[in-house]
Protein backbone atom coordinates (compact mmCIF):
# COMPACT_ATOMS: atom_id res chain seq x y z
CA MET A 1 -81.88 -10.10 -6.31
CA THR A 2 -81.77 -8.55 -9.76
CA THR A 3 -84.56 -6.26 -10.86
CA ASN A 4 -86.13 -6.37 -14.29
CA PHE A 5 -87.57 -2.87 -13.93
CA PHE A 6 -85.64 0.39 -13.85
CA ASN A 7 -86.50 3.89 -12.73
CA TYR A 8 -85.46 6.53 -15.27
CA LYS A 9 -82.04 7.10 -13.68
CA ASP A 10 -81.19 3.39 -13.71
CA ALA A 11 -82.58 3.00 -17.25
CA MET A 12 -80.25 5.77 -18.42
CA LYS A 13 -77.32 4.05 -16.72
CA TYR A 14 -78.23 0.70 -18.35
CA LEU A 15 -78.48 2.41 -21.76
CA GLY A 16 -75.20 4.26 -21.24
CA ILE A 17 -76.75 7.70 -21.73
CA LYS A 18 -76.35 10.75 -19.52
CA SER A 19 -79.08 13.06 -20.75
CA PRO A 20 -82.73 12.78 -19.67
CA ILE A 21 -83.54 14.45 -22.99
CA THR A 22 -82.12 11.44 -24.83
CA LEU A 23 -84.23 9.09 -22.71
CA ARG A 24 -87.30 11.23 -23.43
CA ASN A 25 -86.50 10.99 -27.16
CA TYR A 26 -86.33 7.19 -26.89
CA ILE A 27 -89.71 7.18 -25.12
CA ASN A 28 -91.17 9.44 -27.84
CA GLN A 29 -89.84 6.98 -30.43
CA GLY A 30 -91.69 4.09 -28.78
CA LEU A 31 -89.76 2.88 -25.73
CA PRO A 32 -92.57 1.60 -23.45
CA VAL A 33 -92.97 3.03 -19.96
CA ILE A 34 -94.94 1.40 -17.14
CA GLU A 35 -96.94 3.96 -15.14
CA ILE A 36 -98.58 3.04 -11.85
CA GLY A 37 -99.75 6.07 -9.92
CA ASN A 38 -96.83 8.51 -9.85
CA SER A 39 -94.28 5.74 -10.40
CA LYS A 40 -92.72 5.28 -13.84
CA LYS A 41 -90.60 2.25 -14.67
CA ILE A 42 -89.02 0.82 -17.79
CA SER A 43 -88.49 -2.91 -18.12
CA LYS A 44 -85.08 -4.29 -19.06
CA ASP A 45 -86.72 -6.51 -21.67
CA SER A 46 -88.44 -3.48 -23.26
CA ILE A 47 -85.13 -1.63 -23.46
CA ASP A 48 -83.40 -4.63 -25.04
CA GLU A 49 -86.24 -5.09 -27.57
CA PHE A 50 -86.36 -1.37 -28.40
CA MET A 51 -82.63 -1.27 -29.06
CA LYS A 52 -82.82 -4.44 -31.17
CA GLU A 53 -85.66 -2.97 -33.25
CA HIS A 54 -83.64 0.18 -33.92
CA GLN A 55 -80.44 -1.64 -34.83
CA LYS A 56 -79.13 -0.72 -38.29
CA VAL A 57 -76.12 -1.49 -40.42
CA ILE A 58 -74.48 1.75 -41.47
CA SER A 59 -72.54 1.55 -44.69
CA LYS A 60 -69.57 3.79 -45.37
């Protein structure tokens, strides 16, 4: 069974980042977090959409 929701550690692994500070920056820039009680999750679809929205073409 594949999950569509990640805890912060798994979200960082999916994003390929190692620093919780970077994840916090993404959240501050609009990455949605699901909070239920003390549990915080990030959906795979939200991560994919967030990254797509922040995609840019960098010219040399």
